[in-house]
């Protein structure tokens, strides 16, 4: 069930192999969007990098990247805002310049510094740009690390469940933090309904603590056990991750659940992934095909950029 927590096994031994598959589409159906403001980053164990530039796939190699270290990220330009695609692209460029990190504090410091630099850069060109950033850093040895900002998500998908491992930075989470809504209401707002509102974005900043008269804070606000309600404890934005070998993890932008009944669709994901019989590329293609079919059958008037980055440690 969405929102459940799991007790996984930390991978302390070297990870010999991680299977990865990534897809990014302008929208589930052609003609529904004019531009893909999503992006992604895959840095593999040999330093090879894959991402989007001008909406087209780019590949390169990072000099000096330590063997066995990985970095995966999904980004979604803040929809409807000027320079949304540019914000996601500039963030990816910044991620390519950050060296491999093995410590969670160092990862947070590097990404906060990148946020600050890009916030100042975009303030100089006008507009109201930002992007989501959900990133997983996996050293060759030791636990993985999560850094999360916005409403893209990380899921753990096994044979029976699709478990969301992140907390959306949206108004409902603000209400939960202030005690205005409880767990069932939060679940309804976040996982059972469509919504495009966002309370924090990389580059842009946040509005979690603003008063009625103040503007957004230019800084990032980390959500963790000190400010999240009891029912969201353990799902902080910046934490070590316990990866279970053989289980699929999915980084995705919100286009994947931009349907009238998101929870009902996500509950189908384990069965859809099972149809792939262990092949990661087939799994992401099957998920996208199911989304496209759902959008078409329900004759939705709009769709959203959709990016899936699936990985599985062996």
Protein backbone atom coordinates (compact mmCIF):
# COMPACT_ATOMS: atom_id res chain seq x y z
CA UNK A 1 0.00 0.00 0.00
CA UNK A 2 1.28 3.49 -0.81
CA UNK A 3 2.92 5.13 2.21
CA UNK A 4 3.88 1.93 4.08
CA UNK A 5 7.42 1.64 5.38
CA UNK A 6 9.68 -1.38 4.96
CA UNK A 7 12.62 -2.84 6.85
CA UNK A 8 15.16 -3.48 4.10
CA UNK A 9 18.68 -4.86 4.27
CA UNK A 10 21.55 -2.38 3.97
CA UNK A 11 24.03 -3.31 1.27
CA UNK A 12 27.42 -3.00 3.00
CA UNK A 13 29.35 -5.19 0.55
CA UNK A 14 30.45 -3.86 -2.84
CA UNK A 15 27.64 -3.65 -5.41
CA UNK A 16 28.92 -5.50 -8.47
CA UNK A 17 26.05 -4.60 -10.74
CA UNK A 18 23.08 -2.25 -10.95
CA UNK A 19 20.64 -2.55 -13.81
CA UNK A 20 19.22 0.77 -15.02
CA UNK A 21 16.53 1.80 -17.49
CA UNK A 22 15.37 5.35 -18.21
CA UNK A 23 12.66 6.92 -20.37
CA UNK A 24 11.55 10.55 -20.71
CA UNK A 25 8.59 11.56 -22.89
CA UNK A 26 7.02 14.93 -23.62
CA UNK A 27 3.60 13.52 -22.63
CA UNK A 28 1.85 10.13 -22.66
CA UNK A 29 0.10 11.08 -25.91
CA UNK A 30 1.51 13.12 -28.78
CA UNK A 31 0.32 16.70 -29.04
CA UNK A 32 -0.53 17.11 -25.36
CA UNK A 33 2.52 19.21 -24.50
CA UNK A 34 4.77 21.53 -26.48
CA UNK A 35 7.97 20.99 -24.49
CA UNK A 36 9.58 18.40 -22.25
CA UNK A 37 10.68 20.23 -19.11
CA UNK A 38 11.72 16.98 -17.40
CA UNK A 39 15.29 15.77 -17.25
CA UNK A 40 17.30 12.94 -15.73
CA UNK A 41 20.85 11.99 -14.91
CA UNK A 42 22.46 8.57 -14.92
CA UNK A 43 26.12 8.35 -13.95
CA UNK A 44 27.12 4.72 -14.11
CA UNK A 45 29.87 2.76 -12.38
CA UNK A 46 32.44 3.62 -15.06
CA UNK A 47 31.72 7.35 -15.09
CA UNK A 48 29.55 7.28 -18.21
CA UNK A 49 26.79 9.90 -17.99
CA UNK A 50 23.40 10.14 -19.71
CA UNK A 51 20.98 13.07 -19.57
CA UNK A 52 18.94 15.45 -21.74
CA UNK A 53 20.09 18.65 -23.43
CA UNK A 54 17.63 20.59 -25.56
CA UNK A 55 15.22 17.70 -24.96
CA UNK A 56 17.57 15.24 -26.70
CA UNK A 57 19.60 12.40 -25.10
CA UNK A 58 23.27 13.17 -24.49
CA UNK A 59 26.04 10.81 -23.41
CA UNK A 60 29.49 11.57 -22.07
CA UNK A 61 32.13 10.43 -19.61
CA UNK A 62 33.25 12.05 -16.37
CA UNK A 63 37.00 12.12 -15.90
CA UNK A 64 38.21 10.76 -12.57
CA UNK A 65 34.87 9.27 -11.51
CA UNK A 66 35.54 6.49 -8.96
CA UNK A 67 34.86 2.99 -10.26
CA UNK A 68 31.66 1.50 -8.88
CA UNK A 69 30.04 4.80 -7.80
CA UNK A 70 26.60 5.72 -9.20
CA UNK A 71 24.37 8.79 -9.26
CA UNK A 72 20.74 8.75 -10.43
CA UNK A 73 18.36 11.71 -10.54
CA UNK A 74 15.01 12.77 -11.98
CA UNK A 75 14.07 16.44 -12.42
CA UNK A 76 10.86 18.18 -13.45
CA UNK A 77 10.93 21.84 -14.48
CA UNK A 78 8.29 23.77 -12.57
CA UNK A 79 5.35 23.53 -14.95
CA UNK A 80 4.01 26.66 -16.60
CA UNK A 81 6.90 28.86 -15.45
CA UNK A 82 9.42 30.64 -17.65
CA UNK A 83 12.69 28.75 -18.10
CA UNK A 84 11.44 25.51 -16.50
CA UNK A 85 13.37 23.34 -18.95
CA UNK A 86 16.42 25.55 -18.56
CA UNK A 87 16.24 25.18 -14.77
CA UNK A 88 16.26 21.39 -15.03
CA UNK A 89 19.10 21.44 -17.58
CA UNK A 90 21.26 23.82 -15.54
CA UNK A 91 20.72 21.66 -12.47
CA UNK A 92 21.88 18.57 -14.37
CA UNK A 93 24.95 20.49 -15.54
CA UNK A 94 25.65 21.35 -11.91
CA UNK A 95 25.22 17.72 -10.84
CA UNK A 96 27.78 16.68 -13.44
CA UNK A 97 30.31 19.00 -11.80
CA UNK A 98 29.78 17.65 -8.28
CA UNK A 99 32.34 14.95 -7.46
CA UNK A 100 31.28 11.55 -6.18
CA UNK A 101 30.12 11.86 -2.56
CA UNK A 102 30.18 9.16 0.11
CA UNK A 103 28.78 11.12 3.06
CA UNK A 104 25.22 12.39 3.45
CA UNK A 105 26.24 15.69 5.03
CA UNK A 106 28.67 16.39 2.20
CA UNK A 107 26.00 15.54 -0.38
CA UNK A 108 23.55 17.97 1.25
CA UNK A 109 26.16 20.72 1.40
CA UNK A 110 27.09 20.29 -2.27
CA UNK A 111 23.48 20.36 -3.42
CA UNK A 112 22.52 23.32 -1.23
CA UNK A 113 25.50 25.22 -2.66
CA UNK A 114 24.34 24.36 -6.19
CA UNK A 115 20.82 25.53 -5.33
CA UNK A 116 22.16 28.84 -4.01
CA UNK A 117 24.30 29.45 -7.12
CA UNK A 118 21.47 28.69 -9.51
CA UNK A 119 18.97 30.74 -7.50
CA UNK A 120 21.25 33.76 -7.87
CA UNK A 121 21.77 33.01 -11.57
CA UNK A 122 18.07 32.75 -12.37
CA UNK A 123 17.23 35.80 -10.29
CA UNK A 124 19.42 37.72 -12.69
CA UNK A 125 17.51 36.66 -15.81
CA UNK A 126 13.99 37.14 -14.43
CA UNK A 127 11.19 34.63 -14.41
CA UNK A 128 10.12 32.27 -11.70
CA UNK A 129 12.05 29.11 -12.56
CA UNK A 130 12.79 25.97 -10.62
CA UNK A 131 12.64 22.21 -10.79
CA UNK A 132 12.11 19.16 -8.66
CA UNK A 133 15.16 17.08 -7.79
CA UNK A 134 15.02 13.54 -6.48
CA UNK A 135 18.50 12.05 -6.39
CA UNK A 136 20.02 8.76 -5.25
CA UNK A 137 23.79 8.53 -4.71
CA UNK A 138 25.17 4.99 -4.48
CA UNK A 139 28.80 4.52 -3.43
CA UNK A 140 30.59 1.36 -4.49
CA UNK A 141 30.49 0.26 -0.84
CA UNK A 142 28.08 1.40 1.86
CA UNK A 143 24.45 2.53 1.93
CA UNK A 144 22.87 4.69 -0.75
CA UNK A 145 21.85 8.30 -0.03
CA UNK A 146 18.68 10.20 -0.91
CA UNK A 147 18.27 13.93 -1.57
CA UNK A 148 14.73 15.05 -2.36
CA UNK A 149 13.13 18.41 -3.23
CA UNK A 150 9.72 18.87 -4.85
CA UNK A 151 7.06 16.36 -5.86
CA UNK A 152 8.93 13.86 -8.00
CA UNK A 153 9.16 10.57 -6.11
CA UNK A 154 11.16 7.47 -5.30
CA UNK A 155 9.22 4.19 -5.20
CA UNK A 156 10.13 0.69 -4.14
CA UNK A 157 8.23 -1.84 -6.25
CA UNK A 158 8.21 -5.51 -5.32
CA UNK A 159 5.91 -8.37 -6.28
CA UNK A 160 3.00 -7.05 -4.23
CA UNK A 161 3.38 -3.37 -3.43
CA UNK A 162 4.48 0.00 -4.77
CA UNK A 163 5.76 1.90 -1.73
CA UNK A 164 6.47 5.62 -1.97
CA UNK A 165 9.70 6.43 -0.10
CA UNK A 166 9.50 10.22 -0.37
CA UNK A 167 7.19 12.97 0.88
CA UNK A 168 5.80 15.40 -1.70
CA UNK A 169 6.56 19.08 -1.07
CA UNK A 170 2.98 20.22 -1.61
CA UNK A 171 0.35 22.23 0.30
CA UNK A 172 -1.10 19.08 1.91
CA UNK A 173 2.28 18.40 3.52
CA UNK A 174 2.32 21.97 4.84
CA UNK A 175 -1.11 21.35 6.38
CA UNK A 176 0.07 18.09 7.91
CA UNK A 177 3.15 19.76 9.39
CA UNK A 178 0.96 22.39 11.06
CA UNK A 179 -1.51 19.79 12.36
CA UNK A 180 -4.37 20.92 10.13
CA UNK A 181 -4.91 17.49 8.56
CA UNK A 182 -4.30 13.90 9.67
CA UNK A 183 -2.81 10.90 7.91
CA UNK A 184 -5.96 9.77 6.00
CA UNK A 185 -6.56 13.33 4.75
CA UNK A 186 -2.93 13.68 3.71
CA UNK A 187 -3.09 10.37 1.83
CA UNK A 188 -6.23 11.52 0.01
CA UNK A 189 -4.69 14.85 -1.02
CA UNK A 190 -1.29 13.47 -2.04
CA UNK A 191 -1.84 9.94 -3.34
CA UNK A 192 -5.51 9.77 -4.33
CA UNK A 193 -6.00 13.04 -6.22
CA UNK A 194 -4.33 14.92 -9.04
CA UNK A 195 -2.65 18.17 -8.09
CA UNK A 196 -0.13 20.51 -9.69
CA UNK A 197 0.54 22.75 -6.68
CA UNK A 198 4.04 22.63 -5.22
CA UNK A 199 5.51 24.19 -2.06
CA UNK A 200 9.24 23.80 -2.71
CA UNK A 201 11.45 23.52 -5.76
CA UNK A 202 15.16 23.42 -6.41
CA UNK A 203 16.45 26.89 -7.47
CA UNK A 204 13.09 28.50 -6.65
CA UNK A 205 12.97 28.01 -2.85
CA UNK A 206 10.03 27.21 -0.57
CA UNK A 207 6.85 28.61 0.97
CA UNK A 208 6.50 26.14 3.85
CA UNK A 209 7.01 28.75 6.58
CA UNK A 210 5.89 31.96 4.94
CA UNK A 211 3.32 34.29 6.45
CA UNK A 212 0.49 35.75 4.40
CA UNK A 213 2.55 38.87 3.66
CA UNK A 214 5.97 37.39 3.02
CA UNK A 215 7.29 35.90 -0.19
CA UNK A 216 8.95 32.54 -0.74
CA UNK A 217 12.22 31.79 1.02
CA UNK A 218 15.16 31.53 -1.35
CA UNK A 219 16.64 28.70 0.71
CA UNK A 220 15.73 25.01 0.79
CA UNK A 221 13.90 23.61 3.79
CA UNK A 222 14.78 20.04 4.68
CA UNK A 223 11.78 18.01 5.82
CA UNK A 224 12.78 15.46 8.44
CA UNK A 225 11.66 13.94 11.74
CA UNK A 226 12.00 17.30 13.50
CA UNK A 227 9.25 18.96 11.46
CA UNK A 228 7.23 16.15 9.86
CA UNK A 229 4.13 14.74 11.59
CA UNK A 230 4.28 11.35 13.31
CA UNK A 231 2.76 9.49 10.38
CA UNK A 232 5.57 10.67 8.06
CA UNK A 233 8.46 9.98 10.42
CA UNK A 234 11.36 8.14 8.80
CA UNK A 235 10.69 9.61 5.36
CA UNK A 236 12.90 12.67 5.53
CA UNK A 237 14.27 14.35 2.42
CA UNK A 238 17.91 13.59 3.12
CA UNK A 239 18.71 10.17 4.50
CA UNK A 240 20.56 6.93 3.95
CA UNK A 241 18.60 4.36 1.98
CA UNK A 242 18.37 0.64 2.57
CA UNK A 243 18.36 -0.97 -0.87
CA UNK A 244 17.13 -4.54 -1.13
CA UNK A 245 19.01 -6.58 -3.76
CA UNK A 246 16.79 -7.78 -6.56
CA UNK A 247 14.04 -5.22 -5.91
CA UNK A 248 13.16 -2.49 -8.42
CA UNK A 249 13.41 1.17 -7.37
CA UNK A 250 11.75 3.82 -9.48
CA UNK A 251 12.56 7.53 -9.66
CA UNK A 252 9.72 9.29 -11.48
CA UNK A 253 8.28 12.69 -12.26
CA UNK A 254 4.62 13.35 -11.48
CA UNK A 255 3.49 12.68 -15.05
CA UNK A 256 3.38 9.00 -14.10
CA UNK A 257 0.47 9.55 -11.71
CA UNK A 258 -1.17 12.54 -13.41
CA UNK A 259 -4.46 10.67 -13.81
CA UNK A 260 -7.87 11.02 -12.11
CA UNK A 261 -7.30 8.07 -9.72
CA UNK A 262 -3.54 7.94 -9.03
CA UNK A 263 -3.74 5.41 -6.20
CA UNK A 264 -5.71 2.92 -8.27
CA UNK A 265 -3.14 3.19 -11.06
CA UNK A 266 -0.12 2.84 -8.75
CA UNK A 267 -1.63 -0.28 -7.22
CA UNK A 268 -1.35 -1.88 -10.69
CA UNK A 269 2.38 -1.22 -10.97
CA UNK A 270 3.64 -4.42 -9.29
CA UNK A 271 1.62 -6.58 -11.70
CA UNK A 272 2.75 -4.48 -14.67
CA UNK A 273 6.40 -4.76 -13.63
CA UNK A 274 5.97 -8.51 -13.16
CA UNK A 275 4.92 -8.78 -16.82
CA UNK A 276 8.44 -7.72 -17.77
CA UNK A 277 9.86 -10.94 -16.27
CA UNK A 278 12.82 -9.16 -14.74
CA UNK A 279 13.83 -7.03 -17.73
CA UNK A 280 14.17 -3.39 -16.62
CA UNK A 281 13.71 -1.83 -20.05
CA UNK A 282 10.56 -3.83 -20.62
CA UNK A 283 9.31 -2.84 -17.16
CA UNK A 284 9.53 0.92 -17.78
CA UNK A 285 8.07 0.52 -21.27
CA UNK A 286 5.16 -1.46 -19.82
CA UNK A 287 4.48 1.24 -17.23
CA UNK A 288 4.53 3.96 -19.88
CA UNK A 289 2.28 1.95 -22.18
CA UNK A 290 -0.24 1.45 -19.37
CA UNK A 291 -0.18 5.19 -18.62
CA UNK A 292 -0.68 6.05 -22.30
CA UNK A 293 -3.59 3.63 -22.55
CA UNK A 294 -5.17 5.05 -19.39
CA UNK A 295 -4.87 8.63 -20.62
CA UNK A 296 -6.35 7.68 -24.00
CA UNK A 297 -9.26 5.65 -22.60
CA UNK A 298 -10.22 8.39 -20.15
CA UNK A 299 -9.86 11.02 -22.88
CA UNK A 300 -7.93 13.32 -20.59
CA UNK A 301 -7.66 16.88 -21.86
CA UNK A 302 -4.09 17.28 -20.67
CA UNK A 303 -1.04 15.21 -19.96
CA UNK A 304 2.31 15.88 -18.33
CA UNK A 305 5.96 15.28 -19.09
CA UNK A 306 6.82 11.83 -17.78
CA UNK A 307 10.23 10.52 -16.79
CA UNK A 308 10.98 7.07 -15.35
CA UNK A 309 14.38 5.97 -14.06
CA UNK A 310 14.32 2.42 -12.76
CA UNK A 311 17.25 0.65 -11.12
CA UNK A 312 17.87 -2.64 -9.36
CA UNK A 313 20.93 -3.66 -7.35
CA UNK A 314 22.14 -7.21 -7.85
